[in-house]
Protein backbone atom coordinates (compact mmCIF):
# COMPACT_ATOMS: atom_id res chain seq x y z
CA MET A 1 -148.53 -176.44 -16.21
CA GLY A 2 -147.27 -176.60 -12.60
CA ILE A 3 -149.62 -173.81 -11.52
CA LEU A 4 -152.60 -175.54 -13.11
CA LEU A 5 -151.71 -178.82 -11.40
CA ALA A 6 -151.37 -177.03 -8.04
CA LEU A 7 -154.72 -175.30 -8.60
CA PHE A 8 -156.35 -178.62 -9.46
CA LEU A 9 -154.84 -180.38 -6.44
CA SER A 10 -155.81 -177.55 -4.07
CA CYS A 11 -159.45 -178.46 -4.71
CA PHE A 12 -158.96 -181.82 -3.00
CA ASN A 13 -157.86 -181.02 0.54
CA THR A 14 -158.90 -184.09 2.52
CA GLN A 15 -157.30 -183.29 5.89
CA GLU A 16 -159.55 -184.20 8.79
CA PHE A 17 -158.92 -180.90 10.55
CA SER A 18 -158.97 -177.28 9.47
CA LEU A 19 -155.85 -175.95 7.78
CA LEU A 20 -154.91 -172.37 6.98
CA LYS A 21 -153.16 -172.39 3.60
CA VAL A 22 -150.05 -170.39 2.81
CA ALA A 23 -150.24 -170.69 -0.96
CA ASN A 24 -152.00 -167.95 -2.87
CA ILE A 25 -153.48 -170.54 -5.22
CA ASP A 26 -157.13 -171.29 -4.67
CA PRO A 27 -160.23 -171.72 -6.82
CA VAL A 28 -161.81 -168.34 -7.50
CA GLN A 29 -164.68 -167.84 -5.10
CA THR A 30 -165.80 -164.31 -4.45
CA TYR A 31 -169.03 -165.07 -2.60
CA THR A 32 -170.47 -168.00 -0.72
CA PRO A 33 -174.18 -167.72 0.04
CA GLY A 34 -175.34 -168.25 3.59
CA VAL A 35 -173.57 -167.66 6.85
CA PRO A 36 -170.56 -169.17 8.62
CA VAL A 37 -171.26 -172.51 10.32
CA GLN A 38 -170.39 -173.28 13.92
CA LYS A 39 -170.02 -177.08 14.23
CA ALA A 40 -169.93 -177.18 18.03
CA THR A 41 -169.79 -174.93 21.09
CA TRP A 42 -168.16 -174.97 24.52
CA LYS A 43 -170.35 -175.64 27.56
CA ASP A 44 -168.10 -173.45 29.75
CA GLU A 45 -165.47 -170.84 28.97
CA PRO A 46 -162.25 -172.57 27.84
CA ARG A 47 -158.84 -171.89 29.35
CA ILE A 48 -155.99 -171.19 26.94
CA ARG A 49 -152.48 -172.59 27.40
CA ILE A 50 -149.67 -171.55 25.04
CA CYS A 51 -146.57 -173.69 24.68
CA GLU A 52 -143.55 -171.37 24.68
CA SER A 53 -141.95 -173.49 21.93
CA THR A 54 -144.48 -172.03 19.45
CA GLU A 55 -143.00 -168.56 19.99
CA VAL A 56 -146.52 -167.12 20.30
CA LYS A 57 -146.05 -164.07 22.52
CA MET A 58 -148.51 -163.20 25.30
CA TYR A 59 -149.41 -159.85 23.73
CA ARG A 60 -150.21 -161.65 20.45
CA ALA A 61 -152.42 -164.18 22.25
CA GLN A 62 -154.19 -161.41 24.15
CA LYS A 63 -154.88 -159.55 20.89
CA ALA A 64 -156.49 -162.67 19.40
CA ILE A 65 -158.50 -163.31 22.57
CA LYS A 66 -159.69 -159.68 22.62
CA PHE A 67 -160.93 -160.09 19.03
CA TRP A 68 -163.22 -162.96 20.10
CA GLU A 69 -164.24 -161.29 23.38
CA MET A 70 -165.53 -158.34 21.36
CA LEU A 71 -167.81 -160.85 19.63
CA GLY A 72 -169.24 -162.07 22.96
CA TYR A 73 -167.00 -165.06 23.70
CA GLU A 74 -165.46 -165.55 27.13
CA PHE A 75 -162.29 -167.33 28.18
CA ASP A 76 -161.15 -168.61 31.57
CA GLY A 77 -157.68 -167.08 31.37
CA VAL A 78 -154.54 -167.60 29.32
CA ARG A 79 -151.11 -168.77 30.46
CA MET A 80 -147.73 -169.61 29.00
CA ASP A 81 -146.30 -173.11 29.49
CA GLY A 82 -142.55 -173.66 29.23
CA THR A 83 -142.56 -177.36 30.10
CA LEU A 84 -141.18 -179.95 27.70
CA ASN A 85 -144.40 -181.98 27.67
CA CYS A 86 -146.58 -179.07 26.59
CA ALA A 87 -148.54 -180.75 23.82
CA ASP A 88 -151.85 -182.21 24.97
CA PRO A 89 -154.88 -180.17 25.99
CA ARG A 90 -156.69 -180.90 29.23
CA HIS A 91 -160.48 -181.02 29.47
CA GLY A 92 -161.86 -177.48 29.09
CA GLU A 93 -158.68 -176.19 27.50
CA ILE A 94 -157.41 -174.82 24.20
CA ILE A 95 -153.70 -175.51 23.78
CA VAL A 96 -151.43 -173.78 21.26
CA THR A 97 -148.58 -176.14 20.38
CA LEU A 98 -146.11 -177.08 17.65
CA PRO A 99 -147.38 -179.10 14.66
CA GLU A 100 -147.23 -182.87 14.72
CA GLY A 101 -145.79 -184.91 11.83
CA ASN A 102 -148.97 -184.92 9.73
CA ILE A 103 -149.02 -181.15 9.11
CA ASP A 104 -146.65 -180.00 6.38
CA GLU A 105 -145.03 -176.59 6.13
CA ASN A 106 -147.37 -175.57 3.29
CA HIS A 107 -149.85 -174.71 6.04
CA MET A 108 -149.46 -171.95 8.60
CA ALA A 109 -151.53 -173.61 11.27
CA ALA A 110 -154.23 -176.18 11.96
CA THR A 111 -156.77 -176.87 14.68
CA ARG A 112 -158.33 -180.05 15.96
CA ILE A 113 -161.33 -180.02 18.27
CA PHE A 114 -162.49 -182.88 20.47
CA THR A 115 -166.18 -183.10 21.33
CA GLU A 116 -168.04 -184.96 24.07
CA LYS A 117 -169.99 -187.87 22.62
CA VAL A 118 -173.11 -187.37 24.76
CA THR A 119 -173.55 -183.58 24.62
CA GLY A 120 -171.68 -182.68 21.45
CA HIS A 121 -169.97 -179.79 23.28
CA ILE A 122 -166.31 -179.11 22.67
CA ALA A 123 -164.26 -180.79 25.41
CA LYS A 124 -160.82 -179.53 24.35
CA ALA A 125 -159.01 -178.10 21.34
CA LYS A 126 -155.50 -178.22 19.97
CA ILE A 127 -154.08 -175.44 17.79
CA PHE A 128 -150.91 -176.34 15.87
CA ILE A 129 -148.80 -173.40 14.70
CA TYR A 130 -145.36 -173.05 13.17
CA PRO A 131 -143.23 -170.43 15.00
CA LYS A 132 -142.52 -168.51 11.79
CA TYR A 133 -146.26 -167.82 11.38
CA ALA A 134 -147.01 -167.05 15.05
CA PRO A 135 -146.62 -163.25 14.72
CA ARG A 136 -148.72 -162.93 11.55
CA ASP A 137 -151.98 -161.04 11.83
CA ARG A 138 -155.16 -163.12 11.74
CA VAL A 139 -153.47 -166.54 12.05
CA LEU A 140 -154.16 -166.98 15.76
CA GLU A 141 -157.57 -165.27 15.50
CA HIS A 142 -158.51 -167.67 12.68
CA GLU A 143 -157.36 -170.75 14.59
CA LEU A 144 -159.14 -169.63 17.76
CA GLY A 145 -162.24 -169.46 15.58
CA HIS A 146 -161.80 -173.15 14.77
CA ALA A 147 -161.18 -173.89 18.47
CA LEU A 148 -164.54 -172.20 19.15
CA GLY A 149 -166.18 -174.54 16.63
CA TRP A 150 -166.29 -172.38 13.49
CA SER A 151 -165.74 -173.95 10.05
CA HIS A 152 -164.04 -172.33 7.07
CA TYR A 153 -166.16 -169.78 5.24
CA ASN A 154 -165.27 -168.96 1.62
CA GLN A 155 -166.30 -165.31 1.74
CA LYS A 156 -163.42 -163.11 0.57
CA PHE A 157 -161.93 -160.97 3.38
CA HIS A 158 -163.68 -163.07 6.06
CA LEU A 159 -161.61 -164.13 9.07
CA MET A 160 -162.56 -167.79 8.56
CA HIS A 161 -161.54 -167.89 4.89
CA PRO A 162 -159.31 -170.98 4.37
CA ASN A 163 -156.66 -169.04 2.45
CA TRP A 164 -154.74 -166.46 4.49
CA HIS A 165 -154.10 -164.28 1.41
CA GLN A 166 -157.83 -164.00 0.67
CA GLY A 167 -158.94 -163.62 4.29
CA GLY A 168 -159.33 -160.51 6.38
CA TYR A 169 -160.97 -159.25 9.55
CA ASP A 170 -164.59 -159.51 8.35
CA ARG A 171 -166.35 -161.14 11.29
CA SER A 172 -169.92 -161.18 10.03
CA GLY A 173 -171.90 -164.15 11.34
CA LEU A 174 -169.40 -164.97 14.12
CA ARG A 175 -171.07 -163.13 17.03
CA LYS A 176 -172.01 -165.34 19.96
C-alpha cells in the first residue's frame, strides 16, 4: 500500500524549480515523443562559482563542464568560493550552493534560473546540491543542463530524465 501511495504522490510534483529525484519510484515511461525543450538561453557565456561547503570538487565540476562544452556550450571560467556568504549568484553567473529550507533530502539537487524580463535570456542560475550527492555521476551534469535552460525530458537513459535511476548520458537533442 505504501509503495502505491508513493507512486501516486510522485505524479504530483508541484515544485517551482527542477528537482532530481532520489527515489526509484516513478510512473513507467519508456518513451516521450519529441525532443528536449530549452526554456531559455544565456546571452553570454556564464561564469561558474562553486561554494566549497557543497563539497563539489574542482575535478568533478570540470568533468561536468567538459560534458557541456563537447555539446557546443561555452563557459567563462569556474572558481571555488570558500566564503561564508557564498549563496547568491551574481549577474552572468551559475552558483553551486547548499540547499535552502524548501528542498528536502528526498532530492539530490535542484536548480533555479532567473531570466531577464525584457529579453528572456537567463541572467543567473542557482544550483542546490547536498554534499552527499556531489560526487555522483550525472548529478552535476544534469543540474548544469537546467542552468543552461533545459527542462526535464522523460526519455529513459537521457541526461535530463527527472529520476536519477532512470537517467543516463544520452544527450540527444541537447547540442547547442
